Amino acid sequence: QVQLVESGGGLVQAGGSLRLSCAASGSTFSINGIGWHRQAPGKQRELVAALNSGGLPNYADSVKGRFTISRDNAKNTVYLQMDSLKPDDTAVYYCQMDLSLGGFTYRYWGQGTQVTVSS
């Protein structure tokens, strides 16, 4: 059974940086698309950054130029580097991976990690 385990969240002052990690384990698979989403209190979950199977990134306008999504296929791990953080970036961040197993593709989610940016 596949599991995604996130790490790297925490409390940081505005202008600071954090790097989130999301490692997949538990089966034999290949990683297709990946993404990072976030959900702030009282708001809907939104896509922050995505990376398709061809390696083309896509970012929400609110994070362009500040966040960078990347992947390490050898480690089955995806990352979100977050720089110049703002209080509005405060949210629970979730990683998402589309994994191919046995000829089918499934979407998996991490457990979420809290990011809090103080002003």
Protein backbone atom coordinates (compact mmCIF):
# COMPACT_ATOMS: atom_id res chain seq x y z
CA GLN A 1 0.00 0.00 0.00
CA VAL A 2 1.38 3.37 -1.00
CA GLN A 3 1.91 6.06 1.62
CA LEU A 4 2.91 9.68 1.21
CA VAL A 5 4.65 11.23 4.21
CA GLU A 6 5.12 14.98 4.38
CA SER A 7 7.62 16.95 6.40
CA GLY A 8 9.08 20.41 6.64
CA GLY A 9 6.23 22.59 7.82
CA GLY A 10 6.50 24.96 10.75
CA LEU A 11 6.44 28.53 11.96
CA VAL A 12 8.43 31.16 10.12
CA GLN A 13 8.52 34.94 10.02
CA ALA A 14 7.39 36.84 6.96
CA GLY A 15 10.15 36.94 4.39
CA GLY A 16 11.55 33.61 5.51
CA SER A 17 11.78 30.27 3.74
CA LEU A 18 10.65 26.70 4.23
CA ARG A 19 11.08 23.55 2.19
CA LEU A 20 8.37 20.94 2.25
CA SER A 21 9.10 17.32 1.37
CA CYS A 22 6.78 14.48 0.45
CA ALA A 23 8.13 10.95 0.18
CA ALA A 24 6.24 8.05 -1.35
CA SER A 25 6.79 4.48 -0.26
CA GLY A 26 5.14 1.09 -0.02
CA SER A 27 4.97 -0.35 -3.49
CA THR A 28 6.49 -0.40 -6.94
CA PHE A 29 5.25 2.53 -8.96
CA SER A 30 6.20 5.32 -11.29
CA ILE A 31 5.39 8.93 -10.54
CA ASN A 32 3.40 10.86 -13.09
CA GLY A 33 2.06 14.28 -12.16
CA ILE A 34 2.70 15.82 -8.78
CA GLY A 35 1.27 18.81 -6.99
CA TRP A 36 1.15 20.82 -3.82
CA HIS A 37 -2.16 22.16 -2.53
CA ARG A 38 -3.04 24.25 0.48
CA GLN A 39 -6.08 24.98 2.58
CA ALA A 40 -6.36 27.97 4.86
CA PRO A 41 -9.01 28.16 7.60
CA GLY A 42 -12.42 28.90 6.14
CA LYS A 43 -11.19 28.60 2.57
CA GLN A 44 -11.29 25.94 -0.11
CA ARG A 45 -8.27 23.84 -0.94
CA GLU A 46 -6.31 25.39 -3.78
CA LEU A 47 -3.59 24.16 -6.08
CA VAL A 48 -0.35 25.99 -5.37
CA ALA A 49 2.10 24.29 -7.72
CA ALA A 50 2.11 21.32 -10.07
CA LEU A 51 4.63 19.44 -12.16
CA ASN A 52 3.41 17.24 -14.99
CA SER A 53 5.06 14.03 -16.14
CA GLY A 54 7.01 15.98 -18.74
CA GLY A 55 8.54 18.18 -16.07
CA LEU A 56 6.60 21.33 -16.92
CA PRO A 57 5.76 23.36 -13.80
CA ASN A 58 2.67 25.41 -13.18
CA TYR A 59 2.12 27.84 -10.31
CA ALA A 60 -0.74 29.77 -8.81
CA ASP A 61 -0.37 33.48 -9.50
CA SER A 62 -0.09 34.16 -5.78
CA VAL A 63 3.14 32.16 -5.47
CA LYS A 64 4.84 32.69 -8.82
CA GLY A 65 8.44 33.74 -8.39
CA ARG A 66 8.46 32.67 -4.73
CA PHE A 67 7.72 28.93 -4.72
CA THR A 68 9.53 26.17 -6.64
CA ILE A 69 8.27 22.63 -7.11
CA SER A 70 10.72 19.83 -7.83
CA ARG A 71 11.10 16.08 -7.67
CA ASP A 72 13.78 13.49 -7.01
CA ASN A 73 12.75 10.33 -8.83
CA ALA A 74 15.49 8.25 -7.24
CA LYS A 75 14.09 9.06 -3.80
CA ASN A 76 10.41 9.08 -4.84
CA THR A 77 10.24 12.48 -3.19
CA VAL A 78 8.77 15.79 -4.21
CA TYR A 79 9.62 19.17 -2.77
CA LEU A 80 8.16 22.62 -2.46
CA GLN A 81 10.70 25.35 -1.82
CA MET A 82 8.91 28.38 -0.42
CA ASP A 83 10.75 31.69 -0.28
CA SER A 84 9.69 35.22 0.62
CA LEU A 85 6.84 33.81 2.65
CA LYS A 86 3.88 36.00 3.50
CA PRO A 87 1.24 35.71 6.24
CA ASP A 88 -1.29 34.89 3.48
CA ASP A 89 0.69 31.70 2.81
CA THR A 90 -0.41 30.33 6.17
CA ALA A 91 -2.29 27.08 5.55
CA VAL A 92 -2.12 23.32 5.74
CA TYR A 93 -0.15 22.11 2.74
CA TYR A 94 -0.91 18.78 1.06
CA CYS A 95 1.19 16.95 -1.48
CA GLN A 96 -0.46 14.97 -4.25
CA MET A 97 1.10 12.34 -6.49
CA ASP A 98 -0.39 10.51 -9.44
CA LEU A 99 1.21 7.09 -9.37
CA SER A 100 1.09 4.33 -11.95
CA LEU A 101 0.74 0.85 -10.50
CA GLY A 102 -0.05 -2.27 -12.49
CA GLY A 103 -1.17 -0.35 -15.53
CA PHE A 104 -3.47 2.02 -13.67
CA THR A 105 -2.94 5.52 -12.34
CA TYR A 106 -4.06 6.49 -8.87
CA ARG A 107 -3.98 9.80 -7.00
CA TYR A 108 -2.52 9.78 -3.53
CA TRP A 109 -2.43 12.51 -0.89
CA GLY A 110 -0.08 13.33 1.93
CA GLN A 111 -1.34 13.83 5.46
CA GLY A 112 -0.85 17.59 5.39
CA THR A 113 1.67 19.80 7.13
CA GLN A 114 0.99 23.14 8.80
CA VAL A 115 2.79 26.23 7.58
CA THR A 116 2.36 29.36 9.67
CA VAL A 117 3.87 32.68 8.61
CA SER A 118 3.94 35.40 11.24
CA SER A 119 3.99 39.09 10.38
